Amino acid sequence: MSIDVETAARVAKLARIKVEPDALPALAQEFTNILGFIEQLNGVDVEGIEPMTSVTPQKLKRRVDAVTDGDQQPKVLANAPDAREGFFAVPKVVE
């Protein structure tokens, strides 16, 4: 797949990246190279290969999904400049 200069300019605009007009051909070529590499990766047979979380085989540490230090509302609200009825109070910003 080949990316033309107009497409490269559009991608740069969408990404809000300022690219000078004389740099657009090089950017288009770089996009083409990246897409070529992706097409090359799509051709790799990965049937039967397990997904990896790391380059070294290791088990991730697990923990129990339980609340261990809840019921801290008074301590948390003690730091608030304005707290009402158990919640942070903020000034109204929308009329």
N, C-alpha and C. Protein backbone atom coordinates (compact mmCIF):
# COMPACT_ATOMS: atom_id res chain seq x y z
N MET A 1 0.85 -1.17 0.00
CA MET A 1 0.00 0.00 0.00
C MET A 1 0.89 1.24 0.00
N SER A 2 0.53 2.20 -0.78
CA SER A 2 1.33 3.41 -0.92
C SER A 2 0.52 4.62 -0.45
N ILE A 3 1.14 5.48 0.30
CA ILE A 3 0.50 6.71 0.79
C ILE A 3 1.00 7.87 -0.05
N ASP A 4 0.07 8.66 -0.57
CA ASP A 4 0.48 9.82 -1.37
C ASP A 4 0.64 11.06 -0.49
N VAL A 5 1.14 12.12 -1.08
CA VAL A 5 1.45 13.35 -0.34
C VAL A 5 0.17 13.97 0.24
N GLU A 6 -0.93 13.90 -0.51
CA GLU A 6 -2.19 14.48 -0.02
C GLU A 6 -2.68 13.75 1.22
N THR A 7 -2.57 12.41 1.23
CA THR A 7 -2.98 11.63 2.39
C THR A 7 -2.09 11.93 3.59
N ALA A 8 -0.79 12.07 3.35
CA ALA A 8 0.14 12.40 4.43
C ALA A 8 -0.20 13.77 5.02
N ALA A 9 -0.56 14.73 4.16
CA ALA A 9 -0.95 16.06 4.65
C ALA A 9 -2.22 15.98 5.47
N ARG A 10 -3.16 15.14 5.03
CA ARG A 10 -4.42 14.98 5.78
C ARG A 10 -4.17 14.35 7.15
N VAL A 11 -3.33 13.32 7.19
CA VAL A 11 -3.01 12.67 8.47
C VAL A 11 -2.33 13.66 9.40
N ALA A 12 -1.41 14.46 8.88
CA ALA A 12 -0.72 15.46 9.70
C ALA A 12 -1.72 16.48 10.24
N LYS A 13 -2.67 16.87 9.41
CA LYS A 13 -3.68 17.83 9.86
C LYS A 13 -4.56 17.23 10.94
N LEU A 14 -5.00 15.98 10.74
CA LEU A 14 -5.83 15.31 11.74
C LEU A 14 -5.08 15.11 13.06
N ALA A 15 -3.77 14.88 12.97
CA ALA A 15 -2.96 14.70 14.18
C ALA A 15 -2.51 16.03 14.76
N ARG A 16 -2.88 17.11 14.08
CA ARG A 16 -2.50 18.46 14.50
C ARG A 16 -0.99 18.62 14.62
N ILE A 17 -0.31 18.09 13.61
CA ILE A 17 1.15 18.19 13.53
C ILE A 17 1.47 19.11 12.36
N LYS A 18 2.24 20.15 12.62
CA LYS A 18 2.62 21.06 11.55
C LYS A 18 3.76 20.44 10.75
N VAL A 19 3.49 20.21 9.47
CA VAL A 19 4.49 19.64 8.58
C VAL A 19 4.65 20.60 7.41
N GLU A 20 5.86 21.00 7.18
CA GLU A 20 6.15 21.89 6.05
C GLU A 20 5.88 21.16 4.74
N PRO A 21 5.43 21.87 3.72
CA PRO A 21 5.12 21.21 2.43
C PRO A 21 6.30 20.46 1.82
N ASP A 22 7.52 20.95 2.03
CA ASP A 22 8.66 20.24 1.45
C ASP A 22 9.00 18.95 2.21
N ALA A 23 8.46 18.78 3.41
CA ALA A 23 8.70 17.56 4.19
C ALA A 23 7.63 16.50 3.95
N LEU A 24 6.56 16.85 3.25
CA LEU A 24 5.46 15.91 3.03
C LEU A 24 5.87 14.67 2.23
N PRO A 25 6.69 14.76 1.17
CA PRO A 25 7.07 13.52 0.46
C PRO A 25 7.81 12.53 1.36
N ALA A 26 8.68 13.03 2.22
CA ALA A 26 9.40 12.13 3.13
C ALA A 26 8.44 11.50 4.14
N LEU A 27 7.47 12.28 4.62
CA LEU A 27 6.48 11.75 5.55
C LEU A 27 5.63 10.68 4.87
N ALA A 28 5.22 10.93 3.64
CA ALA A 28 4.44 9.95 2.90
C ALA A 28 5.23 8.65 2.71
N GLN A 29 6.51 8.77 2.43
CA GLN A 29 7.35 7.58 2.27
C GLN A 29 7.48 6.83 3.59
N GLU A 30 7.59 7.56 4.68
CA GLU A 30 7.68 6.93 6.00
C GLU A 30 6.40 6.17 6.33
N PHE A 31 5.23 6.79 6.03
CA PHE A 31 3.96 6.10 6.23
C PHE A 31 3.89 4.83 5.38
N THR A 32 4.34 4.91 4.15
CA THR A 32 4.35 3.75 3.27
C THR A 32 5.23 2.64 3.83
N ASN A 33 6.39 3.01 4.36
CA ASN A 33 7.30 2.03 4.97
C ASN A 33 6.66 1.36 6.18
N ILE A 34 5.98 2.15 7.01
CA ILE A 34 5.32 1.60 8.19
C ILE A 34 4.23 0.62 7.79
N LEU A 35 3.40 1.01 6.81
CA LEU A 35 2.34 0.11 6.36
C LEU A 35 2.91 -1.16 5.73
N GLY A 36 4.04 -1.04 5.04
CA GLY A 36 4.71 -2.21 4.49
C GLY A 36 5.17 -3.16 5.58
N PHE A 37 5.68 -2.60 6.67
CA PHE A 37 6.12 -3.43 7.79
C PHE A 37 4.91 -4.12 8.43
N ILE A 38 3.79 -3.41 8.55
CA ILE A 38 2.58 -4.02 9.12
C ILE A 38 2.09 -5.15 8.23
N GLU A 39 2.12 -4.96 6.91
CA GLU A 39 1.73 -6.03 6.00
C GLU A 39 2.65 -7.24 6.15
N GLN A 40 3.92 -6.98 6.38
CA GLN A 40 4.88 -8.06 6.59
C GLN A 40 4.54 -8.82 7.88
N LEU A 41 4.18 -8.10 8.94
CA LEU A 41 3.81 -8.75 10.19
C LEU A 41 2.52 -9.56 10.05
N ASN A 42 1.59 -9.07 9.23
CA ASN A 42 0.35 -9.80 9.02
C ASN A 42 0.58 -11.14 8.33
N GLY A 43 1.68 -11.29 7.64
CA GLY A 43 1.99 -12.54 6.96
C GLY A 43 2.62 -13.59 7.86
N VAL A 44 2.93 -13.26 9.10
CA VAL A 44 3.58 -14.20 10.01
C VAL A 44 2.54 -15.17 10.56
N ASP A 45 2.86 -16.46 10.54
CA ASP A 45 1.96 -17.49 11.07
C ASP A 45 2.14 -17.55 12.59
N VAL A 46 1.10 -17.19 13.34
CA VAL A 46 1.17 -17.21 14.80
C VAL A 46 0.21 -18.24 15.38
N GLU A 47 -0.21 -19.18 14.56
CA GLU A 47 -1.14 -20.22 15.01
C GLU A 47 -0.48 -21.06 16.10
N GLY A 48 -1.16 -21.20 17.22
CA GLY A 48 -0.66 -22.02 18.32
C GLY A 48 0.32 -21.32 19.24
N ILE A 49 0.59 -20.06 19.03
CA ILE A 49 1.52 -19.33 19.89
C ILE A 49 0.72 -18.58 20.95
N GLU A 50 1.07 -18.80 22.20
CA GLU A 50 0.37 -18.16 23.31
C GLU A 50 0.75 -16.68 23.41
N PRO A 51 -0.22 -15.81 23.75
CA PRO A 51 0.10 -14.39 23.96
C PRO A 51 1.05 -14.23 25.14
N MET A 52 1.88 -13.18 25.07
CA MET A 52 2.86 -12.94 26.13
C MET A 52 2.55 -11.64 26.84
N THR A 53 2.84 -11.60 28.15
CA THR A 53 2.76 -10.36 28.90
C THR A 53 4.14 -9.76 29.09
N SER A 54 5.17 -10.55 28.82
CA SER A 54 6.54 -10.11 29.02
C SER A 54 7.44 -10.96 28.12
N VAL A 55 8.68 -10.52 27.93
CA VAL A 55 9.61 -11.32 27.14
C VAL A 55 10.15 -12.49 27.93
N THR A 56 10.02 -12.44 29.25
CA THR A 56 10.41 -13.56 30.09
C THR A 56 9.16 -14.22 30.63
N PRO A 57 9.08 -15.54 30.59
CA PRO A 57 7.88 -16.21 31.07
C PRO A 57 7.78 -16.10 32.60
N GLN A 58 6.77 -15.42 33.05
CA GLN A 58 6.59 -15.27 34.49
C GLN A 58 5.11 -15.10 34.79
N LYS A 59 4.72 -15.50 35.98
CA LYS A 59 3.34 -15.36 36.41
C LYS A 59 3.17 -13.99 37.06
N LEU A 60 2.05 -13.35 36.76
CA LEU A 60 1.76 -12.08 37.40
C LEU A 60 1.25 -12.33 38.81
N LYS A 61 1.63 -11.46 39.73
CA LYS A 61 1.17 -11.59 41.10
C LYS A 61 -0.31 -11.29 41.17
N ARG A 62 -1.04 -12.07 41.91
CA ARG A 62 -2.47 -11.89 42.07
C ARG A 62 -2.75 -11.45 43.50
N ARG A 63 -3.82 -10.71 43.67
CA ARG A 63 -4.25 -10.33 45.01
C ARG A 63 -5.75 -10.50 45.09
N VAL A 64 -6.23 -10.60 46.30
CA VAL A 64 -7.66 -10.72 46.52
C VAL A 64 -8.31 -9.38 46.23
N ASP A 65 -9.41 -9.40 45.51
CA ASP A 65 -10.12 -8.17 45.18
C ASP A 65 -11.05 -7.82 46.34
N ALA A 66 -10.48 -7.22 47.37
CA ALA A 66 -11.26 -6.89 48.57
C ALA A 66 -10.85 -5.52 49.08
N VAL A 67 -11.79 -4.80 49.65
CA VAL A 67 -11.49 -3.50 50.24
C VAL A 67 -10.73 -3.75 51.54
N THR A 68 -9.57 -3.11 51.68
CA THR A 68 -8.76 -3.35 52.87
C THR A 68 -8.72 -2.16 53.81
N ASP A 69 -8.99 -0.97 53.31
CA ASP A 69 -8.94 0.18 54.21
C ASP A 69 -10.04 1.19 53.86
N GLY A 70 -11.26 0.71 53.74
CA GLY A 70 -12.39 1.58 53.46
C GLY A 70 -12.81 2.35 54.69
N ASP A 71 -13.97 2.95 54.62
CA ASP A 71 -14.51 3.74 55.73
C ASP A 71 -13.55 4.83 56.18
N GLN A 72 -12.99 5.56 55.23
CA GLN A 72 -12.07 6.65 55.54
C GLN A 72 -12.68 8.00 55.20
N GLN A 73 -14.01 8.05 55.04
CA GLN A 73 -14.65 9.28 54.60
C GLN A 73 -14.33 10.48 55.49
N PRO A 74 -14.39 10.38 56.80
CA PRO A 74 -14.06 11.56 57.62
C PRO A 74 -12.62 12.05 57.42
N LYS A 75 -11.68 11.12 57.25
CA LYS A 75 -10.28 11.50 57.04
C LYS A 75 -10.10 12.18 55.68
N VAL A 76 -10.76 11.65 54.66
CA VAL A 76 -10.64 12.23 53.32
C VAL A 76 -11.27 13.62 53.29
N LEU A 77 -12.45 13.75 53.85
CA LEU A 77 -13.15 15.03 53.82
C LEU A 77 -12.49 16.06 54.72
N ALA A 78 -11.64 15.64 55.64
CA ALA A 78 -10.91 16.59 56.50
C ALA A 78 -9.96 17.45 55.67
N ASN A 79 -9.53 16.95 54.51
CA ASN A 79 -8.63 17.69 53.64
C ASN A 79 -9.37 18.64 52.70
N ALA A 80 -10.68 18.52 52.63
CA ALA A 80 -11.46 19.34 51.69
C ALA A 80 -11.64 20.75 52.23
N PRO A 81 -11.51 21.75 51.36
CA PRO A 81 -11.76 23.12 51.80
C PRO A 81 -13.22 23.34 52.16
N ASP A 82 -14.13 22.60 51.50
CA ASP A 82 -15.56 22.74 51.80
C ASP A 82 -16.22 21.39 51.58
N ALA A 83 -16.78 20.82 52.64
CA ALA A 83 -17.46 19.54 52.55
C ALA A 83 -18.84 19.69 53.18
N ARG A 84 -19.83 19.13 52.47
CA ARG A 84 -21.21 19.20 52.96
C ARG A 84 -21.89 17.84 52.77
N GLU A 85 -22.59 17.40 53.78
CA GLU A 85 -23.38 16.17 53.74
C GLU A 85 -22.56 14.96 53.29
N GLY A 86 -21.30 14.94 53.67
CA GLY A 86 -20.45 13.80 53.35
C GLY A 86 -19.84 13.81 51.96
N PHE A 87 -19.88 14.97 51.26
CA PHE A 87 -19.33 15.08 49.92
C PHE A 87 -18.45 16.32 49.82
N PHE A 88 -17.56 16.36 48.80
CA PHE A 88 -16.82 17.57 48.49
C PHE A 88 -17.80 18.59 47.94
N ALA A 89 -17.71 19.82 48.38
CA ALA A 89 -18.55 20.90 47.85
C ALA A 89 -17.68 21.77 46.96
N VAL A 90 -18.18 22.05 45.76
CA VAL A 90 -17.46 22.90 44.81
C VAL A 90 -18.35 24.04 44.37
N PRO A 91 -17.75 25.16 43.99
CA PRO A 91 -18.58 26.28 43.53
C PRO A 91 -19.26 25.94 42.21
N LYS A 92 -20.42 26.52 42.00
CA LYS A 92 -21.18 26.31 40.76
C LYS A 92 -20.42 27.01 39.63
N VAL A 93 -20.21 26.28 38.53
CA VAL A 93 -19.46 26.85 37.41
C VAL A 93 -20.32 27.02 36.16
N VAL A 94 -21.49 26.41 36.14
CA VAL A 94 -22.39 26.51 34.98
C VAL A 94 -23.63 27.26 35.42
N GLU A 95 -23.98 28.28 34.67
CA GLU A 95 -25.17 29.07 34.99
C GLU A 95 -26.39 28.45 34.38
